[in-house]
PDB file of N, CA and C in Angstrom:
ATOM      1  N   MET A   1      10.581  24.263 -11.043  1.00  0.00           N
ATOM      2  CA  MET A   1      11.428  23.908  -9.913  1.00  0.00           C
ATOM      3  C   MET A   1      10.972  22.904  -9.272  1.00  0.00           C
ATOM      4  N   ALA A   2      11.899  21.892  -8.950  1.00  0.00           N
ATOM      5  CA  ALA A   2      11.473  20.597  -8.383  1.00  0.00           C
ATOM      6  C   ALA A   2      11.138  20.837  -6.728  1.00  0.00           C
ATOM      7  N   VAL A   3      10.061  19.851  -6.730  1.00  0.00           N
ATOM      8  CA  VAL A   3       9.552  19.845  -5.195  1.00  0.00           C
ATOM      9  C   VAL A   3      10.552  19.188  -4.276  1.00  0.00           C
ATOM     10  N   ILE A   4      10.956  19.493  -3.105  1.00  0.00           N
ATOM     11  CA  ILE A   4      11.690  18.844  -2.229  1.00  0.00           C
ATOM     12  C   ILE A   4      10.772  17.982  -1.243  1.00  0.00           C
ATOM     13  N   THR A   5      10.975  17.059  -0.915  1.00  0.00           N
ATOM     14  CA  THR A   5      10.116  16.065   0.191  1.00  0.00           C
ATOM     15  C   THR A   5      11.109  15.681   1.242  1.00  0.00           C
ATOM     16  N   ASP A   6      10.495  16.054   2.291  1.00  0.00           N
ATOM     17  CA  ASP A   6      11.575  15.646   3.570  1.00  0.00           C
ATOM     18  C   ASP A   6      10.992  13.921   3.691  1.00  0.00           C
ATOM     19  N   ILE A   7      11.991  13.242   3.447  1.00  0.00           N
ATOM     20  CA  ILE A   7      11.546  11.796   3.615  1.00  0.00           C
ATOM     21  C   ILE A   7      11.305  11.385   5.048  1.00  0.00           C
ATOM     22  N   GLY A   8      11.577  12.083   5.866  1.00  0.00           N
ATOM     23  CA  GLY A   8      11.145  11.991   7.253  1.00  0.00           C
ATOM     24  C   GLY A   8       9.136  12.083   7.338  1.00  0.00           C
ATOM     25  N   THR A   9       8.892  12.392   6.306  1.00  0.00           N
ATOM     26  CA  THR A   9       7.466  12.643   6.491  1.00  0.00           C
ATOM     27  C   THR A   9       6.748  11.856   5.714  1.00  0.00           C
ATOM     28  N   LEU A  10       7.311  10.756   5.226  1.00  0.00           N
ATOM     29  CA  LEU A  10       6.805   9.690   4.440  1.00  0.00           C
ATOM     30  C   LEU A  10       6.107   8.633   5.013  1.00  0.00           C
ATOM     31  N   ILE A  11       6.711   8.198   6.509  1.00  0.00           N
ATOM     32  CA  ILE A  11       6.335   7.307   7.252  1.00  0.00           C
ATOM     33  C   ILE A  11       5.782   7.969   8.512  1.00  0.00           C
ATOM     34  N   GLU A  12       4.382   7.348   8.993  1.00  0.00           N
ATOM     35  CA  GLU A  12       4.045   7.835  10.143  1.00  0.00           C
ATOM     36  C   GLU A  12       3.489   6.670  11.067  1.00  0.00           C
ATOM     37  N   LYS A  13       3.406   6.873  12.374  1.00  0.00           N
ATOM     38  CA  LYS A  13       2.866   6.072  13.325  1.00  0.00           C
ATOM     39  C   LYS A  13       1.924   6.566  14.002  1.00  0.00           C
ATOM     40  N   THR A  14       0.587   6.304  14.027  1.00  0.00           N
ATOM     41  CA  THR A  14      -0.492   6.866  14.622  1.00  0.00           C
ATOM     42  C   THR A  14      -1.202   5.709  15.353  1.00  0.00           C
ATOM     43  N   PRO A  15      -1.533   5.855  16.647  1.00  0.00           N
ATOM     44  CA  PRO A  15      -2.096   4.805  17.209  1.00  0.00           C
ATOM     45  C   PRO A  15      -3.681   4.573  16.604  1.00  0.00           C
ATOM     46  N   GLU A  16      -4.135   5.318  16.185  1.00  0.00           N
ATOM     47  CA  GLU A  16      -5.537   5.192  15.628  1.00  0.00           C
ATOM     48  C   GLU A  16      -5.489   4.564  14.227  1.00  0.00           C
ATOM     49  N   ILE A  17      -4.396   4.542  13.619  1.00  0.00           N
ATOM     50  CA  ILE A  17      -4.201   4.061  12.109  1.00  0.00           C
ATOM     51  C   ILE A  17      -3.527   2.813  12.441  1.00  0.00           C
ATOM     52  N   ARG A  18      -3.883   1.726  12.096  1.00  0.00           N
ATOM     53  CA  ARG A  18      -3.350   0.182  11.952  1.00  0.00           C
ATOM     54  C   ARG A  18      -2.616   0.044  13.229  1.00  0.00           C
ATOM     55  N   GLY A  19      -3.220   0.510  14.420  1.00  0.00           N
ATOM     56  CA  GLY A  19      -2.942   0.199  15.668  1.00  0.00           C
ATOM     57  C   GLY A  19      -1.443   0.429  15.922  1.00  0.00           C
ATOM     58  N   GLY A  20      -0.905   1.836  15.343  1.00  0.00           N
ATOM     59  CA  GLY A  20       0.247   2.190  15.698  1.00  0.00           C
ATOM     60  C   GLY A  20       1.400   2.082  14.795  1.00  0.00           C
ATOM     61  N   LYS A  21       1.153   0.710  13.701  1.00  0.00           N
ATOM     62  CA  LYS A  21       2.356   0.071  13.010  1.00  0.00           C
ATOM     63  C   LYS A  21       2.620   1.429  12.120  1.00  0.00           C
ATOM     64  N   PRO A  22       4.027   1.348  11.774  1.00  0.00           N
ATOM     65  CA  PRO A  22       4.441   2.431  10.921  1.00  0.00           C
ATOM     66  C   PRO A  22       3.869   2.255   9.474  1.00  0.00           C
ATOM     67  N   CYS A  23       3.294   3.550   8.989  1.00  0.00           N
ATOM     68  CA  CYS A  23       2.548   3.530   7.674  1.00  0.00           C
ATOM     69  C   CYS A  23       2.848   4.316   6.554  1.00  0.00           C
ATOM     70  N   LEU A  24       2.841   4.158   5.265  1.00  0.00           N
ATOM     71  CA  LEU A  24       3.139   5.301   4.572  1.00  0.00           C
ATOM     72  C   LEU A  24       2.132   6.227   4.637  1.00  0.00           C
ATOM     73  N   ALA A  25       2.635   7.579   5.188  1.00  0.00           N
ATOM     74  CA  ALA A  25       1.844   8.613   5.324  1.00  0.00           C
ATOM     75  C   ALA A  25       0.539   8.986   4.574  1.00  0.00           C
ATOM     76  N   GLY A  26      -0.677   8.760   5.163  1.00  0.00           N
ATOM     77  CA  GLY A  26      -1.700   9.076   4.373  1.00  0.00           C
ATOM     78  C   GLY A  26      -2.550   8.414   3.402  1.00  0.00           C
ATOM     79  N   THR A  27      -1.698   6.930   3.565  1.00  0.00           N
ATOM     80  CA  THR A  27      -2.430   5.916   3.004  1.00  0.00           C
ATOM     81  C   THR A  27      -2.907   4.912   3.833  1.00  0.00           C
ATOM     82  N   GLY A  28      -2.620   4.234   4.696  1.00  0.00           N
ATOM     83  CA  GLY A  28      -2.931   3.496   5.965  1.00  0.00           C
ATOM     84  C   GLY A  28      -2.146   1.984   5.260  1.00  0.00           C
ATOM     85  N   ILE A  29      -1.107   2.141   4.308  1.00  0.00           N
ATOM     86  CA  ILE A  29      -0.453   0.769   3.847  1.00  0.00           C
ATOM     87  C   ILE A  29       0.686   0.708   4.840  1.00  0.00           C
ATOM     88  N   THR A  30       0.675  -0.143   5.487  1.00  0.00           N
ATOM     89  CA  THR A  30       1.771  -0.400   6.499  1.00  0.00           C
ATOM     90  C   THR A  30       3.142  -0.934   5.998  1.00  0.00           C
ATOM     91  N   VAL A  31       4.016  -0.302   6.500  1.00  0.00           N
ATOM     92  CA  VAL A  31       5.532  -0.950   6.017  1.00  0.00           C
ATOM     93  C   VAL A  31       5.505  -2.406   5.922  1.00  0.00           C
ATOM     94  N   GLN A  32       5.173  -2.970   7.037  1.00  0.00           N
ATOM     95  CA  GLN A  32       5.149  -4.365   6.933  1.00  0.00           C
ATOM     96  C   GLN A  32       4.277  -4.924   5.628  1.00  0.00           C
ATOM     97  N   ARG A  33       3.504  -4.433   5.070  1.00  0.00           N
ATOM     98  CA  ARG A  33       2.745  -4.901   3.941  1.00  0.00           C
ATOM     99  C   ARG A  33       3.624  -4.644   2.737  1.00  0.00           C
ATOM    100  N   VAL A  34       4.313  -3.466   2.605  1.00  0.00           N
ATOM    101  CA  VAL A  34       5.141  -3.368   1.682  1.00  0.00           C
ATOM    102  C   VAL A  34       6.404  -4.313   1.559  1.00  0.00           C
ATOM    103  N   VAL A  35       7.018  -4.690   2.688  1.00  0.00           N
ATOM    104  CA  VAL A  35       8.134  -5.402   3.021  1.00  0.00           C
ATOM    105  C   VAL A  35       7.542  -6.865   2.426  1.00  0.00           C
ATOM    106  N   ALA A  36       6.148  -7.310   3.041  1.00  0.00           N
ATOM    107  CA  ALA A  36       5.982  -8.474   2.752  1.00  0.00           C
ATOM    108  C   ALA A  36       6.095  -8.934   1.241  1.00  0.00           C
ATOM    109  N   TRP A  37       5.486  -7.762   0.179  1.00  0.00           N
ATOM    110  CA  TRP A  37       5.444  -7.930  -1.223  1.00  0.00           C
ATOM    111  C   TRP A  37       6.850  -7.734  -1.520  1.00  0.00           C
ATOM    112  N   TYR A  38       7.937  -6.986  -0.896  1.00  0.00           N
ATOM    113  CA  TYR A  38       9.116  -7.084  -1.251  1.00  0.00           C
ATOM    114  C   TYR A  38      10.037  -8.414  -1.320  1.00  0.00           C
ATOM    115  N   LEU A  39       9.492  -9.000  -0.064  1.00  0.00           N
ATOM    116  CA  LEU A  39      10.302 -10.330   0.441  1.00  0.00           C
ATOM    117  C   LEU A  39       9.809 -11.582  -0.407  1.00  0.00           C
ATOM    118  N   SER A  40       8.471 -11.219  -1.091  1.00  0.00           N
ATOM    119  CA  SER A  40       7.799 -12.289  -1.918  1.00  0.00           C
ATOM    120  C   SER A  40       8.530 -12.332  -3.263  1.00  0.00           C
ATOM    121  N   GLY A  41       9.088 -11.138  -3.535  1.00  0.00           N
ATOM    122  CA  GLY A  41      10.018 -10.998  -4.915  1.00  0.00           C
ATOM    123  C   GLY A  41       9.532  -9.632  -5.691  1.00  0.00           C
ATOM    124  N   ASP A  42       8.734  -9.102  -5.176  1.00  0.00           N
ATOM    125  CA  ASP A  42       8.176  -7.780  -6.096  1.00  0.00           C
ATOM    126  C   ASP A  42       9.177  -6.875  -6.024  1.00  0.00           C
ATOM    127  N   GLY A  43       9.737  -6.052  -7.023  1.00  0.00           N
ATOM    128  CA  GLY A  43      10.434  -5.150  -6.911  1.00  0.00           C
ATOM    129  C   GLY A  43       9.548  -3.871  -6.605  1.00  0.00           C
ATOM    130  N   PRO A  44      10.585  -2.669  -6.061  1.00  0.00           N
ATOM    131  CA  PRO A  44       9.686  -1.408  -5.722  1.00  0.00           C
ATOM    132  C   PRO A  44       8.656  -1.109  -6.819  1.00  0.00           C
ATOM    133  N   GLU A  45       9.142  -1.251  -8.025  1.00  0.00           N
ATOM    134  CA  GLU A  45       8.223  -0.569  -9.031  1.00  0.00           C
ATOM    135  C   GLU A  45       6.787  -1.437  -9.004  1.00  0.00           C
ATOM    136  N   GLU A  46       6.776  -2.511  -8.929  1.00  0.00           N
ATOM    137  CA  GLU A  46       5.656  -3.683  -8.842  1.00  0.00           C
ATOM    138  C   GLU A  46       4.968  -3.114  -7.738  1.00  0.00           C
ATOM    139  N   ILE A  47       5.468  -2.956  -6.524  1.00  0.00           N
ATOM    140  CA  ILE A  47       4.824  -2.416  -5.447  1.00  0.00           C
ATOM    141  C   ILE A  47       4.075  -1.287  -5.509  1.00  0.00           C
ATOM    142  N   ALA A  48       4.922  -0.210  -6.247  1.00  0.00           N
ATOM    143  CA  ALA A  48       4.216   1.074  -6.307  1.00  0.00           C
ATOM    144  C   ALA A  48       2.872   1.081  -7.257  1.00  0.00           C
ATOM    145  N   GLU A  49       3.049   0.030  -8.462  1.00  0.00           N
ATOM    146  CA  GLU A  49       1.936   0.307  -9.505  1.00  0.00           C
ATOM    147  C   GLU A  49       0.833  -0.597  -8.786  1.00  0.00           C
ATOM    148  N   ARG A  50       1.091  -1.683  -7.643  1.00  0.00           N
ATOM    149  CA  ARG A  50      -0.135  -2.499  -6.946  1.00  0.00           C
ATOM    150  C   ARG A  50      -1.367  -1.217  -6.790  1.00  0.00           C
ATOM    151  N   PHE A  51      -1.082  -0.249  -6.287  1.00  0.00           N
ATOM    152  CA  PHE A  51      -1.953   0.809  -5.878  1.00  0.00           C
ATOM    153  C   PHE A  51      -1.695   2.280  -6.511  1.00  0.00           C
ATOM    154  N   GLY A  52      -2.494   2.503  -7.475  1.00  0.00           N
ATOM    155  CA  GLY A  52      -2.273   3.706  -8.012  1.00  0.00           C
ATOM    156  C   GLY A  52      -1.753   5.219  -7.196  1.00  0.00           C
ATOM    157  N   HIS A  53      -2.265   5.027  -5.907  1.00  0.00           N
ATOM    158  CA  HIS A  53      -1.747   6.260  -5.109  1.00  0.00           C
ATOM    159  C   HIS A  53      -0.353   6.192  -4.603  1.00  0.00           C
ATOM    160  N   LEU A  54       0.379   5.164  -4.705  1.00  0.00           N
ATOM    161  CA  LEU A  54       1.505   4.893  -4.279  1.00  0.00           C
ATOM    162  C   LEU A  54       2.648   5.415  -5.087  1.00  0.00           C
ATOM    163  N   ASN A  55       3.883   6.198  -4.651  1.00  0.00           N
ATOM    164  CA  ASN A  55       4.710   6.426  -5.938  1.00  0.00           C
ATOM    165  C   ASN A  55       5.896   5.643  -5.388  1.00  0.00           C
ATOM    166  N   LEU A  56       6.986   5.815  -6.115  1.00  0.00           N
ATOM    167  CA  LEU A  56       8.230   4.922  -5.884  1.00  0.00           C
ATOM    168  C   LEU A  56       9.000   5.655  -4.675  1.00  0.00           C
ATOM    169  N   ALA A  57       8.938   6.928  -4.339  1.00  0.00           N
ATOM    170  CA  ALA A  57       9.463   7.359  -3.101  1.00  0.00           C
ATOM    171  C   ALA A  57       9.156   6.801  -1.924  1.00  0.00           C
ATOM    172  N   GLN A  58       7.705   6.644  -1.837  1.00  0.00           N
ATOM    173  CA  GLN A  58       6.931   5.841  -0.778  1.00  0.00           C
ATOM    174  C   GLN A  58       7.369   4.483  -0.480  1.00  0.00           C
ATOM    175  N   VAL A  59       7.620   4.121  -1.303  1.00  0.00           N
ATOM    176  CA  VAL A  59       8.069   2.414  -1.492  1.00  0.00           C
ATOM    177  C   VAL A  59       9.383   2.455  -1.008  1.00  0.00           C
ATOM    178  N   HIS A  60      10.264   2.894  -1.435  1.00  0.00           N
ATOM    179  CA  HIS A  60      11.685   3.157  -0.857  1.00  0.00           C
ATOM    180  C   HIS A  60      11.861   3.557   0.392  1.00  0.00           C
ATOM    181  N   ALA A  61      11.039   4.474   0.969  1.00  0.00           N
ATOM    182  CA  ALA A  61      10.879   5.040   2.086  1.00  0.00           C
ATOM    183  C   ALA A  61      10.660   3.879   3.066  1.00  0.00           C
ATOM    184  N   ALA A  62       9.484   2.981   2.687  1.00  0.00           N
ATOM    185  CA  ALA A  62       8.988   1.852   3.366  1.00  0.00           C
ATOM    186  C   ALA A  62      10.075   0.582   3.591  1.00  0.00           C
ATOM    187  N   LEU A  63      10.765   0.627   2.583  1.00  0.00           N
ATOM    188  CA  LEU A  63      11.772  -0.032   2.514  1.00  0.00           C
ATOM    189  C   LEU A  63      13.304   0.369   3.191  1.00  0.00           C
ATOM    190  N   ALA A  64      13.400   1.623   3.173  1.00  0.00           N
ATOM    191  CA  ALA A  64      14.623   2.156   4.113  1.00  0.00           C
ATOM    192  C   ALA A  64      14.198   2.028   5.612  1.00  0.00           C
ATOM    193  N   TYR A  65      12.749   2.286   5.918  1.00  0.00           N
ATOM    194  CA  TYR A  65      12.226   2.206   7.425  1.00  0.00           C
ATOM    195  C   TYR A  65      12.679   0.715   7.764  1.00  0.00           C
ATOM    196  N   TYR A  66      12.296  -0.314   6.770  1.00  0.00           N
ATOM    197  CA  TYR A  66      12.657  -1.432   6.909  1.00  0.00           C
ATOM    198  C   TYR A  66      14.047  -1.872   7.567  1.00  0.00           C
ATOM    199  N   HIS A  67      15.114  -1.541   6.716  1.00  0.00           N
ATOM    200  CA  HIS A  67      16.461  -1.791   6.622  1.00  0.00           C
ATOM    201  C   HIS A  67      16.992  -1.119   8.098  1.00  0.00           C
ATOM    202  N   ALA A  68      16.338   0.012   8.415  1.00  0.00           N
ATOM    203  CA  ALA A  68      16.776   0.729   9.567  1.00  0.00           C
ATOM    204  C   ALA A  68      16.019   0.244  11.170  1.00  0.00           C
ATOM    205  N   ASN A  69      15.016  -0.556  10.744  1.00  0.00           N
ATOM    206  CA  ASN A  69      14.340  -1.021  11.930  1.00  0.00           C
ATOM    207  C   ASN A  69      13.809  -2.417  11.511  1.00  0.00           C
ATOM    208  N   ARG A  70      14.667  -3.172  11.002  1.00  0.00           N
ATOM    209  CA  ARG A  70      14.498  -4.633  10.909  1.00  0.00           C
ATOM    210  C   ARG A  70      13.830  -5.548  11.734  1.00  0.00           C
ATOM    211  N   ASP A  71      14.431  -5.473  12.852  1.00  0.00           N
ATOM    212  CA  ASP A  71      13.625  -6.410  14.053  1.00  0.00           C
ATOM    213  C   ASP A  71      12.132  -6.072  14.293  1.00  0.00           C
ATOM    214  N   GLU A  72      11.768  -4.855  14.230  1.00  0.00           N
ATOM    215  CA  GLU A  72      10.392  -4.440  14.535  1.00  0.00           C
ATOM    216  C   GLU A  72       9.571  -4.939  13.479  1.00  0.00           C
ATOM    217  N   ILE A  73       9.776  -4.908  12.341  1.00  0.00           N
ATOM    218  CA  ILE A  73       9.026  -5.408  11.021  1.00  0.00           C
ATOM    219  C   ILE A  73       9.089  -6.746  11.083  1.00  0.00           C
ATOM    220  N   ASP A  74      10.325  -7.580  11.389  1.00  0.00           N
ATOM    221  CA  ASP A  74      10.219  -9.227  11.080  1.00  0.00           C
ATOM    222  C   ASP A  74       9.460  -9.576  12.201  1.00  0.00           C
ATOM    223  N   LYS A  75       9.399  -9.043  13.246  1.00  0.00           N
ATOM    224  CA  LYS A  75       8.554  -9.595  14.568  1.00  0.00           C
ATOM    225  C   LYS A  75       7.442  -9.431  13.961  1.00  0.00           C
ATOM    226  N   GLY A  76       6.646  -8.502  13.243  1.00  0.00           N
ATOM    227  CA  GLY A  76       5.526  -8.228  13.018  1.00  0.00           C
ATOM    228  C   GLY A  76       4.919  -9.174  12.051  1.00  0.00           C
ATOM    229  N   LEU A  77       5.787  -9.324  10.724  1.00  0.00           N
ATOM    230  CA  LEU A  77       5.793 -10.267   9.836  1.00  0.00           C
ATOM    231  C   LEU A  77       5.348 -11.929  10.523  1.00  0.00           C
ATOM    232  N   ALA A  78       6.298 -12.111  11.446  1.00  0.00           N
ATOM    233  CA  ALA A  78       6.358 -13.153  12.194  1.00  0.00           C
ATOM    234  C   ALA A  78       4.868 -13.545  12.795  1.00  0.00           C
ATOM    235  N   VAL A  79       4.714 -12.600  13.491  1.00  0.00           N
ATOM    236  CA  VAL A  79       3.049 -12.758  14.078  1.00  0.00           C
ATOM    237  C   VAL A  79       2.012 -12.667  13.135  1.00  0.00           C
ATOM    238  N   GLU A  80       2.116 -12.217  12.004  1.00  0.00           N
ATOM    239  CA  GLU A  80       1.152 -12.193  11.019  1.00  0.00           C
ATOM    240  C   GLU A  80       1.092 -13.750  10.446  1.00  0.00           C
ATOM    241  N   GLU A  81       2.295 -14.136  10.194  1.00  0.00           N
ATOM    242  CA  GLU A  81       2.347 -15.517   9.696  1.00  0.00           C
ATOM    243  C   GLU A  81       1.934 -16.634  10.551  1.00  0.00           C
ATOM    244  N   THR A  82       1.993 -16.352  11.733  1.00  0.00           N
ATOM    245  CA  THR A  82       1.558 -17.245  12.759  1.00  0.00           C
ATOM    246  C   THR A  82       0.233 -17.193  13.043  1.00  0.00           C
ATOM    247  N   SER A  83      -0.289 -15.926  12.817  1.00  0.00           N
ATOM    248  CA  SER A  83      -1.893 -15.727  12.831  1.00  0.00           C
ATOM    249  C   SER A  83      -2.529 -16.658  11.797  1.00  0.00           C
ATOM    250  N   ALA A  84      -2.060 -16.256  10.507  1.00  0.00           N
ATOM    251  CA  ALA A  84      -2.472 -16.752   9.450  1.00  0.00           C
ATOM    252  C   ALA A  84      -2.609 -18.486   9.345  1.00  0.00           C
ATOM    253  N   ALA A  85      -1.471 -18.747  10.119  1.00  0.00           N
ATOM    254  CA  ALA A  85      -1.452 -20.384  10.049  1.00  0.00           C
ATOM    255  C   ALA A  85      -2.633 -20.872  10.850  1.00  0.00           C
ATOM    256  N   ALA A  86      -2.712 -20.154  12.162  1.00  0.00           N
ATOM    257  CA  ALA A  86      -3.791 -20.667  13.227  1.00  0.00           C
ATOM    258  C   ALA A  86      -4.950 -20.354  12.476  1.00  0.00           C
ATOM    259  N   MET A  87      -5.253 -19.307  11.681  1.00  0.00           N
ATOM    260  CA  MET A  87      -6.682 -19.391  11.002  1.00  0.00           C
ATOM    261  C   MET A  87      -6.649 -20.515   9.938  1.00  0.00           C
ATOM    262  N   GLU A  88      -5.727 -20.846   9.299  1.00  0.00           N
ATOM    263  CA  GLU A  88      -6.027 -22.056   8.357  1.00  0.00           C
ATOM    264  C   GLU A  88      -6.296 -23.108   8.739  1.00  0.00           C
ATOM    265  N   GLN A  89      -5.589 -23.187  10.061  1.00  0.00           N
ATOM    266  CA  GLN A  89      -5.963 -24.636  10.714  1.00  0.00           C
ATOM    267  C   GLN A  89      -7.282 -24.575  11.419  1.00  0.00           C
ATOM    268  N   ARG A  90      -7.840 -23.555  11.869  1.00  0.00           N
ATOM    269  CA  ARG A  90      -9.137 -23.398  12.475  1.00  0.00           C
ATOM    270  C   ARG A  90     -10.295 -23.627  11.471  1.00  0.00           C
ATOM    271  N   PHE A  91     -10.078 -22.776  10.283  1.00  0.00           N
ATOM    272  CA  PHE A  91     -10.808 -22.580   9.064  1.00  0.00           C
ATOM    273  C   PHE A  91     -10.289 -23.266   7.614  1.00  0.00           C
ATOM    274  N   PRO A  92     -10.165 -24.586   7.871  1.00  0.00           N
ATOM    275  CA  PRO A  92      -9.510 -25.271   6.624  1.00  0.00           C
ATOM    276  C   PRO A  92     -10.286 -24.668   5.286  1.00  0.00           C
ATOM    277  N   SER A  93      -9.534 -24.443   4.331  1.00  0.00           N
ATOM    278  CA  SER A  93      -9.931 -24.356   2.904  1.00  0.00           C
ATOM    279  C   SER A  93     -10.794 -25.297   2.501  1.00  0.00           C
ATOM    280  N   ARG A  94     -11.934 -25.438   1.837  1.00  0.00           N
ATOM    281  CA  ARG A  94     -12.422 -26.145   1.377  1.00  0.00           C
ATOM    282  C   ARG A  94     -11.742 -26.979  -0.182  1.00  0.00           C
ATOM    283  N   HIS A  95     -10.985 -26.195  -0.537  1.00  0.00           N
ATOM    284  CA  HIS A  95     -10.065 -26.547  -1.648  1.00  0.00           C
ATOM    285  C   HIS A  95      -9.063 -27.511  -1.133  1.00  0.00           C
ATOM    286  N   ALA A  96      -8.380 -27.399   0.073  1.00  0.00           N
ATOM    287  CA  ALA A  96      -7.425 -28.159   0.540  1.00  0.00           C
ATOM    288  C   ALA A  96      -8.132 -29.596   1.095  1.00  0.00           C
ATOM    289  N   ARG A  97      -9.193 -29.708   1.257  1.00  0.00           N
ATOM    290  CA  ARG A  97      -9.857 -30.944   1.637  1.00  0.00           C
ATOM    291  C   ARG A  97     -10.007 -31.899   0.411  1.00  0.00           C
ATOM    292  N   GLY A  98      -9.868 -31.546  -0.538  1.00  0.00           N
ATOM    293  CA  GLY A  98      -9.808 -32.268  -1.985  1.00  0.00           C
ATOM    294  C   GLY A  98     -11.350 -32.469  -2.187  1.00  0.00           C
TER     295      GLY A  98
END
């Protein structure tokens, strides 16, 4: 007999985990991280393979959450990008100096 999963249980927001960002339940992997991989060109199957403990349903749940809450995740991605750029300016890579 097939196991039925309530997709509403696949995403959780807990203040103690990743500052309350939406995560794949029980993993600590944020929806934002999954979306970043997806937007960089990885398909759902590739994302699931990155970690042996993710399954395709979890990845699709993260992507569904993103499409339903695009502004929230896009804002988080923009903040992450701005923070990364600031860190790169503050601590330039030795490789970038030539």
